[in-house]
Amino acid sequence: MMLSFFDQFMSPTHLGVPLMALALTLPWILYPTPTARWLNNRFLALQGWLINRFTQQLLLPLNLGGHKWAALLTSLMIFLITLNMLGLLPYTFTPTTQLSLNLGLATPLWLATVIIGMRNQPTHALGHLLPEGTPGPLIPVLIIIETISLFIRPLALGVRLTANLTAGHLLIQLIATAAFVLMPLMPAVALLTSAVLVLLTLLEIAVAMIQAYVFVLLLTLYLQENV
């Protein structure tokens, strides 16, 4: 029984072919495409307003040099939100519960911010490894600690997203299983458990959106240090 709880996190395959690529392609099909009309319909207008608001929030900590990343960061956040929300539907697979995918998204983007910092302002980028006013005996130790913390950043991004989504999905499945088992035995307790399940599902929807926003927000903060 315990193994079946984790089966939902296994990458699905069909005839031996992984369906991860299909799960990653589906969100882009769901987005409406802009039209050549002067006035868009309500859905496109709402989509444009939300994207503008998201972009404004993301660009707040960035200076003008980091605004070149606006399209990439906004697209990444919308993509992650869509993947996380689709994973809450029954009989679906959430690609962002795979640590390999999250690390594949976090590592290249983090590395790009580091390379930009080393290319544009190497002295300032290397200065983050040694805080100002550090006593002489502590300099080697702090450089090692700051270097380790720098290289842990992409791992922290991937693990944070994976752990939060995995924990939420497991908790939903545990409470849903408990409600199903208790229904013939204690209907009143089963109804109370179902109410808790509904509230937890609403909370998980919020977590799915917040974690996507936090993932991209941390990338913007890393970018701000290097531009």
C-alpha atoms as a PDB file:
ATOM      1  CA  MET A   1       0.000   0.000   0.000  1.00  0.00           C
ATOM      2  CA  MET A   2       2.822   2.383   0.816  1.00  0.00           C
ATOM      3  CA  LEU A   3       4.446   1.758  -2.545  1.00  0.00           C
ATOM      4  CA  SER A   4       1.249   2.677  -4.375  1.00  0.00           C
ATOM      5  CA  PHE A   5       1.338   6.144  -2.807  1.00  0.00           C
ATOM      6  CA  PHE A   6       4.562   6.868  -4.672  1.00  0.00           C
ATOM      7  CA  ASP A   7       3.463   5.354  -7.973  1.00  0.00           C
ATOM      8  CA  GLN A   8       1.951   8.710  -8.964  1.00  0.00           C
ATOM      9  CA  PHE A   9       5.453  10.204  -9.094  1.00  0.00           C
ATOM     10  CA  MET A  10       6.802   7.627 -11.552  1.00  0.00           C
ATOM     11  CA  SER A  11       7.347   8.955 -15.064  1.00  0.00           C
ATOM     12  CA  PRO A  12       4.594   7.386 -17.230  1.00  0.00           C
ATOM     13  CA  THR A  13       5.553   5.390 -20.289  1.00  0.00           C
ATOM     14  CA  HIS A  14       3.621   4.022 -23.264  1.00  0.00           C
ATOM     15  CA  LEU A  15       5.120   1.122 -25.180  1.00  0.00           C
ATOM     16  CA  GLY A  16       8.408   1.864 -23.446  1.00  0.00           C
ATOM     17  CA  VAL A  17       8.423   5.523 -24.574  1.00  0.00           C
ATOM     18  CA  PRO A  18       8.499   8.124 -21.736  1.00  0.00           C
ATOM     19  CA  LEU A  19       5.585  10.539 -21.854  1.00  0.00           C
ATOM     20  CA  MET A  20       7.479  13.343 -20.115  1.00  0.00           C
ATOM     21  CA  ALA A  21       7.878  15.214 -23.408  1.00  0.00           C
ATOM     22  CA  LEU A  22       4.113  15.079 -24.006  1.00  0.00           C
ATOM     23  CA  ALA A  23       3.437  16.358 -20.486  1.00  0.00           C
ATOM     24  CA  LEU A  24       5.812  19.271 -21.093  1.00  0.00           C
ATOM     25  CA  THR A  25       4.299  20.116 -24.484  1.00  0.00           C
ATOM     26  CA  LEU A  26       0.647  20.088 -23.419  1.00  0.00           C
ATOM     27  CA  PRO A  27       0.662  23.415 -21.484  1.00  0.00           C
ATOM     28  CA  TRP A  28       1.744  25.378 -24.568  1.00  0.00           C
ATOM     29  CA  ILE A  29      -1.198  23.988 -26.539  1.00  0.00           C
ATOM     30  CA  LEU A  30      -3.662  25.293 -23.944  1.00  0.00           C
ATOM     31  CA  TYR A  31      -2.589  28.935 -24.235  1.00  0.00           C
ATOM     32  CA  PRO A  32      -4.655  31.054 -26.623  1.00  0.00           C
ATOM     33  CA  THR A  33      -2.742  32.701 -29.449  1.00  0.00           C
ATOM     34  CA  PRO A  34      -3.022  36.477 -30.047  1.00  0.00           C
ATOM     35  CA  THR A  35      -5.125  37.584 -32.978  1.00  0.00           C
ATOM     36  CA  ALA A  36      -4.773  40.426 -35.476  1.00  0.00           C
ATOM     37  CA  ARG A  37      -7.968  42.086 -34.255  1.00  0.00           C
ATOM     38  CA  TRP A  38      -7.886  45.498 -32.706  1.00  0.00           C
ATOM     39  CA  LEU A  39      -9.908  44.294 -29.733  1.00  0.00           C
ATOM     40  CA  ASN A  40      -9.289  40.886 -28.149  1.00  0.00           C
ATOM     41  CA  ASN A  41     -11.896  38.779 -26.435  1.00  0.00           C
ATOM     42  CA  ARG A  42     -12.241  38.791 -22.655  1.00  0.00           C
ATOM     43  CA  PHE A  43     -10.059  35.732 -22.142  1.00  0.00           C
ATOM     44  CA  LEU A  44      -7.145  37.179 -24.121  1.00  0.00           C
ATOM     45  CA  ALA A  45      -7.558  40.529 -22.369  1.00  0.00           C
ATOM     46  CA  LEU A  46      -7.466  38.805 -18.966  1.00  0.00           C
ATOM     47  CA  GLN A  47      -4.440  36.780 -20.011  1.00  0.00           C
ATOM     48  CA  GLY A  48      -2.584  39.897 -21.132  1.00  0.00           C
ATOM     49  CA  TRP A  49      -3.449  41.743 -17.905  1.00  0.00           C
ATOM     50  CA  LEU A  50      -2.216  38.870 -15.747  1.00  0.00           C
ATOM     51  CA  ILE A  51       1.015  38.542 -17.720  1.00  0.00           C
ATOM     52  CA  ASN A  52       1.653  42.280 -17.391  1.00  0.00           C
ATOM     53  CA  ARG A  53       1.080  42.143 -13.632  1.00  0.00           C
ATOM     54  CA  PHE A  54       3.367  39.114 -13.267  1.00  0.00           C
ATOM     55  CA  THR A  55       6.064  40.829 -15.309  1.00  0.00           C
ATOM     56  CA  GLN A  56       5.874  44.008 -13.247  1.00  0.00           C
ATOM     57  CA  GLN A  57       6.239  42.051 -10.013  1.00  0.00           C
ATOM     58  CA  LEU A  58       9.183  40.071 -11.361  1.00  0.00           C
ATOM     59  CA  LEU A  59      11.027  43.155 -12.609  1.00  0.00           C
ATOM     60  CA  LEU A  60      10.735  45.078  -9.333  1.00  0.00           C
ATOM     61  CA  PRO A  61      14.059  43.816  -7.869  1.00  0.00           C
ATOM     62  CA  LEU A  62      15.879  44.111 -11.217  1.00  0.00           C
ATOM     63  CA  ASN A  63      17.618  47.113 -12.728  1.00  0.00           C
ATOM     64  CA  LEU A  64      17.376  48.013 -16.412  1.00  0.00           C
ATOM     65  CA  GLY A  65      20.099  45.537 -17.378  1.00  0.00           C
ATOM     66  CA  GLY A  66      18.017  42.635 -16.121  1.00  0.00           C
ATOM     67  CA  HIS A  67      14.879  43.625 -18.043  1.00  0.00           C
ATOM     68  CA  LYS A  68      16.201  41.666 -21.032  1.00  0.00           C
ATOM     69  CA  TRP A  69      15.219  38.537 -19.111  1.00  0.00           C
ATOM     70  CA  ALA A  70      11.583  39.611 -18.743  1.00  0.00           C
ATOM     71  CA  ALA A  71      10.194  37.394 -21.510  1.00  0.00           C
ATOM     72  CA  LEU A  72      12.167  34.335 -20.363  1.00  0.00           C
ATOM     73  CA  LEU A  73      11.275  34.681 -16.683  1.00  0.00           C
ATOM     74  CA  THR A  74       7.598  35.403 -17.344  1.00  0.00           C
ATOM     75  CA  SER A  75       7.296  32.455 -19.733  1.00  0.00           C
ATOM     76  CA  LEU A  76       9.003  30.184 -17.211  1.00  0.00           C
ATOM     77  CA  MET A  77       6.659  31.207 -14.414  1.00  0.00           C
ATOM     78  CA  ILE A  78       3.530  30.728 -16.538  1.00  0.00           C
ATOM     79  CA  PHE A  79       4.875  27.366 -17.698  1.00  0.00           C
ATOM     80  CA  LEU A  80       5.545  26.181 -14.136  1.00  0.00           C
ATOM     81  CA  ILE A  81       2.170  27.398 -12.886  1.00  0.00           C
ATOM     82  CA  THR A  82       0.412  25.524 -15.679  1.00  0.00           C
ATOM     83  CA  LEU A  83       2.357  22.310 -15.031  1.00  0.00           C
ATOM     84  CA  ASN A  84       1.656  22.487 -11.305  1.00  0.00           C
ATOM     85  CA  MET A  85      -2.047  23.189 -11.794  1.00  0.00           C
ATOM     86  CA  LEU A  86      -2.523  20.454 -14.381  1.00  0.00           C
ATOM     87  CA  GLY A  87      -0.885  18.005 -11.984  1.00  0.00           C
ATOM     88  CA  LEU A  88      -3.735  18.528  -9.521  1.00  0.00           C
ATOM     89  CA  LEU A  89      -6.268  17.058 -11.946  1.00  0.00           C
ATOM     90  CA  PRO A  90      -7.226  13.399 -11.415  1.00  0.00           C
ATOM     91  CA  TYR A  91      -5.280  10.759 -13.360  1.00  0.00           C
ATOM     92  CA  THR A  92      -2.608  13.220 -14.457  1.00  0.00           C
ATOM     93  CA  PHE A  93       1.147  13.354 -14.040  1.00  0.00           C
ATOM     94  CA  THR A  94       3.038  16.308 -12.572  1.00  0.00           C
ATOM     95  CA  PRO A  95       6.435  16.694 -14.284  1.00  0.00           C
ATOM     96  CA  THR A  96       7.605  19.183 -11.650  1.00  0.00           C
ATOM     97  CA  THR A  97       7.612  16.439  -8.996  1.00  0.00           C
ATOM     98  CA  GLN A  98      10.677  15.042 -10.777  1.00  0.00           C
ATOM     99  CA  LEU A  99      13.906  16.404  -9.330  1.00  0.00           C
ATOM    100  CA  SER A 100      15.716  15.813 -12.618  1.00  0.00           C
ATOM    101  CA  LEU A 101      13.369  18.186 -14.463  1.00  0.00           C
ATOM    102  CA  ASN A 102      13.569  20.896 -11.818  1.00  0.00           C
ATOM    103  CA  LEU A 103      17.355  20.705 -11.736  1.00  0.00           C
ATOM    104  CA  GLY A 104      17.353  20.817 -15.530  1.00  0.00           C
ATOM    105  CA  LEU A 105      15.448  24.100 -15.356  1.00  0.00           C
ATOM    106  CA  ALA A 106      17.332  25.614 -12.413  1.00  0.00           C
ATOM    107  CA  THR A 107      20.949  24.765 -13.240  1.00  0.00           C
ATOM    108  CA  PRO A 108      21.259  26.373 -16.717  1.00  0.00           C
ATOM    109  CA  LEU A 109      19.469  29.548 -15.628  1.00  0.00           C
ATOM    110  CA  TRP A 110      21.551  29.860 -12.449  1.00  0.00           C
ATOM    111  CA  LEU A 111      24.725  29.202 -14.445  1.00  0.00           C
ATOM    112  CA  ALA A 112      23.719  31.895 -16.939  1.00  0.00           C
ATOM    113  CA  THR A 113      23.407  34.457 -14.126  1.00  0.00           C
ATOM    114  CA  VAL A 114      26.851  33.503 -12.790  1.00  0.00           C
ATOM    115  CA  ILE A 115      28.449  33.726 -16.238  1.00  0.00           C
ATOM    116  CA  ILE A 116      26.869  37.151 -16.816  1.00  0.00           C
ATOM    117  CA  GLY A 117      28.268  38.366 -13.513  1.00  0.00           C
ATOM    118  CA  MET A 118      31.755  37.014 -14.247  1.00  0.00           C
ATOM    119  CA  ARG A 119      31.728  38.596 -17.712  1.00  0.00           C
ATOM    120  CA  ASN A 120      30.295  42.014 -16.897  1.00  0.00           C
ATOM    121  CA  GLN A 121      31.676  42.711 -13.416  1.00  0.00           C
ATOM    122  CA  PRO A 122      34.076  39.982 -12.277  1.00  0.00           C
ATOM    123  CA  THR A 123      35.377  41.950  -9.275  1.00  0.00           C
ATOM    124  CA  HIS A 124      31.895  42.532  -7.909  1.00  0.00           C
ATOM    125  CA  ALA A 125      30.856  38.915  -8.586  1.00  0.00           C
ATOM    126  CA  LEU A 126      33.884  37.525  -6.778  1.00  0.00           C
ATOM    127  CA  GLY A 127      33.373  40.047  -3.982  1.00  0.00           C
ATOM    128  CA  HIS A 128      30.246  38.159  -2.881  1.00  0.00           C
ATOM    129  CA  LEU A 129      32.503  35.311  -1.779  1.00  0.00           C
ATOM    130  CA  LEU A 130      34.129  37.477   0.906  1.00  0.00           C
ATOM    131  CA  PRO A 131      32.016  39.881   3.009  1.00  0.00           C
ATOM    132  CA  GLU A 132      33.547  43.259   3.753  1.00  0.00           C
ATOM    133  CA  GLY A 133      35.311  43.596   7.085  1.00  0.00           C
ATOM    134  CA  THR A 134      36.021  39.876   7.527  1.00  0.00           C
ATOM    135  CA  PRO A 135      38.853  39.133  10.010  1.00  0.00           C
ATOM    136  CA  GLY A 136      42.001  37.716   8.410  1.00  0.00           C
ATOM    137  CA  PRO A 137      41.909  34.237  10.027  1.00  0.00           C
ATOM    138  CA  LEU A 138      38.324  33.699   8.844  1.00  0.00           C
ATOM    139  CA  ILE A 139      38.941  34.617   5.201  1.00  0.00           C
ATOM    140  CA  PRO A 140      39.737  31.075   3.912  1.00  0.00           C
ATOM    141  CA  VAL A 141      36.824  29.544   5.822  1.00  0.00           C
ATOM    142  CA  LEU A 142      34.305  32.145   4.608  1.00  0.00           C
ATOM    143  CA  ILE A 143      35.458  31.820   1.010  1.00  0.00           C
ATOM    144  CA  ILE A 144      34.865  28.059   1.170  1.00  0.00           C
ATOM    145  CA  ILE A 145      31.453  28.505   2.820  1.00  0.00           C
ATOM    146  CA  GLU A 146      30.302  31.171   0.342  1.00  0.00           C
ATOM    147  CA  THR A 147      31.521  29.088  -2.605  1.00  0.00           C
ATOM    148  CA  ILE A 148      29.567  26.063  -1.367  1.00  0.00           C
ATOM    149  CA  SER A 149      26.457  28.185  -0.817  1.00  0.00           C
ATOM    150  CA  LEU A 150      26.813  29.542  -4.361  1.00  0.00           C
ATOM    151  CA  PHE A 151      26.914  26.079  -5.920  1.00  0.00           C
ATOM    152  CA  ILE A 152      24.064  24.829  -3.730  1.00  0.00           C
ATOM    153  CA  ARG A 153      21.647  27.430  -5.138  1.00  0.00           C
ATOM    154  CA  PRO A 154      20.404  25.393  -8.151  1.00  0.00           C
ATOM    155  CA  LEU A 155      20.039  22.311  -5.949  1.00  0.00           C
ATOM    156  CA  ALA A 156      17.995  24.326  -3.445  1.00  0.00           C
ATOM    157  CA  LEU A 157      15.751  25.640  -6.236  1.00  0.00           C
ATOM    158  CA  GLY A 158      15.049  22.163  -7.572  1.00  0.00           C
ATOM    159  CA  VAL A 159      14.620  20.466  -4.192  1.00  0.00           C
ATOM    160  CA  ARG A 160      12.294  23.199  -2.892  1.00  0.00           C
ATOM    161  CA  LEU A 161       9.910  22.876  -5.830  1.00  0.00           C
ATOM    162  CA  THR A 162      10.046  19.073  -5.833  1.00  0.00           C
ATOM    163  CA  ALA A 163       9.582  18.674  -2.072  1.00  0.00           C
ATOM    164  CA  ASN A 164       6.630  21.062  -1.772  1.00  0.00           C
ATOM    165  CA  LEU A 165       4.693  19.529  -4.664  1.00  0.00           C
ATOM    166  CA  THR A 166       5.503  15.956  -3.654  1.00  0.00           C
ATOM    167  CA  ALA A 167       4.442  16.543  -0.042  1.00  0.00           C
ATOM    168  CA  GLY A 168       1.167  18.133  -1.117  1.00  0.00           C
ATOM    169  CA  HIS A 169       0.296  15.325  -3.528  1.00  0.00           C
ATOM    170  CA  LEU A 170       1.116  12.675  -0.925  1.00  0.00           C
ATOM    171  CA  LEU A 171      -1.003  14.402   1.716  1.00  0.00           C
ATOM    172  CA  ILE A 172      -3.957  14.692  -0.669  1.00  0.00           C
ATOM    173  CA  GLN A 173      -3.722  11.002  -1.543  1.00  0.00           C
ATOM    174  CA  LEU A 174      -3.448   9.949   2.111  1.00  0.00           C
ATOM    175  CA  ILE A 175      -6.499  11.970   3.165  1.00  0.00           C
ATOM    176  CA  ALA A 176      -8.481  10.817   0.109  1.00  0.00           C
ATOM    177  CA  THR A 177      -7.650   7.184   0.916  1.00  0.00           C
ATOM    178  CA  ALA A 178      -8.681   7.711   4.531  1.00  0.00           C
ATOM    179  CA  ALA A 179     -12.010   9.245   3.480  1.00  0.00           C
ATOM    180  CA  PHE A 180     -12.676   6.342   1.089  1.00  0.00           C
ATOM    181  CA  VAL A 181     -11.894   3.718   3.749  1.00  0.00           C
ATOM    182  CA  LEU A 182     -13.920   5.446   6.480  1.00  0.00           C
ATOM    183  CA  MET A 183     -17.024   6.009   4.353  1.00  0.00           C
ATOM    184  CA  PRO A 184     -18.700   2.597   5.052  1.00  0.00           C
ATOM    185  CA  LEU A 185     -17.414   2.446   8.641  1.00  0.00           C
ATOM    186  CA  MET A 186     -17.886   5.969  10.007  1.00  0.00           C
ATOM    187  CA  PRO A 187     -19.772   8.181   7.543  1.00  0.00           C
ATOM    188  CA  ALA A 188     -19.648  11.268   9.772  1.00  0.00           C
ATOM    189  CA  VAL A 189     -15.875  11.073  10.126  1.00  0.00           C
ATOM    190  CA  ALA A 190     -15.574  10.393   6.391  1.00  0.00           C
ATOM    191  CA  LEU A 191     -17.554  13.560   5.590  1.00  0.00           C
ATOM    192  CA  LEU A 192     -15.341  15.577   7.903  1.00  0.00           C
ATOM    193  CA  THR A 193     -12.267  14.097   6.237  1.00  0.00           C
ATOM    194  CA  SER A 194     -13.701  14.970   2.830  1.00  0.00           C
ATOM    195  CA  ALA A 195     -14.185  18.572   3.946  1.00  0.00           C
ATOM    196  CA  VAL A 196     -10.549  18.650   5.047  1.00  0.00           C
ATOM    197  CA  LEU A 197      -9.609  17.214   1.645  1.00  0.00           C
ATOM    198  CA  VAL A 198     -11.418  20.040  -0.158  1.00  0.00           C
ATOM    199  CA  LEU A 199      -9.645  22.655   1.954  1.00  0.00           C
ATOM    200  CA  LEU A 200      -6.318  20.927   1.390  1.00  0.00           C
ATOM    201  CA  THR A 201      -6.924  20.902  -2.362  1.00  0.00           C
ATOM    202  CA  LEU A 202      -7.546  24.655  -2.310  1.00  0.00           C
ATOM    203  CA  LEU A 203      -4.360  25.096  -0.306  1.00  0.00           C
ATOM    204  CA  GLU A 204      -2.447  22.961  -2.792  1.00  0.00           C
ATOM    205  CA  ILE A 205      -3.694  25.138  -5.658  1.00  0.00           C
ATOM    206  CA  ALA A 206      -2.247  28.149  -3.851  1.00  0.00           C
ATOM    207  CA  VAL A 207       1.005  26.271  -3.182  1.00  0.00           C
ATOM    208  CA  ALA A 208       1.281  25.326  -6.876  1.00  0.00           C
ATOM    209  CA  MET A 209       1.128  28.977  -7.894  1.00  0.00           C
ATOM    210  CA  ILE A 210       3.293  30.284  -5.046  1.00  0.00           C
ATOM    211  CA  GLN A 211       6.080  27.750  -5.624  1.00  0.00           C
ATOM    212  CA  ALA A 212       6.278  28.646  -9.312  1.00  0.00           C
ATOM    213  CA  TYR A 213       6.468  32.326  -8.370  1.00  0.00           C
ATOM    214  CA  VAL A 214       9.137  31.682  -5.701  1.00  0.00           C
ATOM    215  CA  PHE A 215      11.216  29.636  -8.171  1.00  0.00           C
ATOM    216  CA  VAL A 216      11.317  32.489 -10.677  1.00  0.00           C
ATOM    217  CA  LEU A 217      11.645  35.194  -7.999  1.00  0.00           C
ATOM    218  CA  LEU A 218      14.793  33.587  -6.610  1.00  0.00           C
ATOM    219  CA  LEU A 219      16.225  33.458 -10.120  1.00  0.00           C
ATOM    220  CA  THR A 220      15.577  37.200 -10.465  1.00  0.00           C
ATOM    221  CA  LEU A 221      17.385  37.815  -7.174  1.00  0.00           C
ATOM    222  CA  TYR A 222      20.359  35.772  -8.371  1.00  0.00           C
ATOM    223  CA  LEU A 223      20.285  37.764 -11.598  1.00  0.00           C
ATOM    224  CA  GLN A 224      20.163  41.067  -9.716  1.00  0.00           C
ATOM    225  CA  GLU A 225      23.435  40.186  -7.961  1.00  0.00           C
ATOM    226  CA  ASN A 226      25.204  39.802 -11.294  1.00  0.00           C
ATOM    227  CA  VAL A 227      23.830  42.549 -13.557  1.00  0.00           C
END
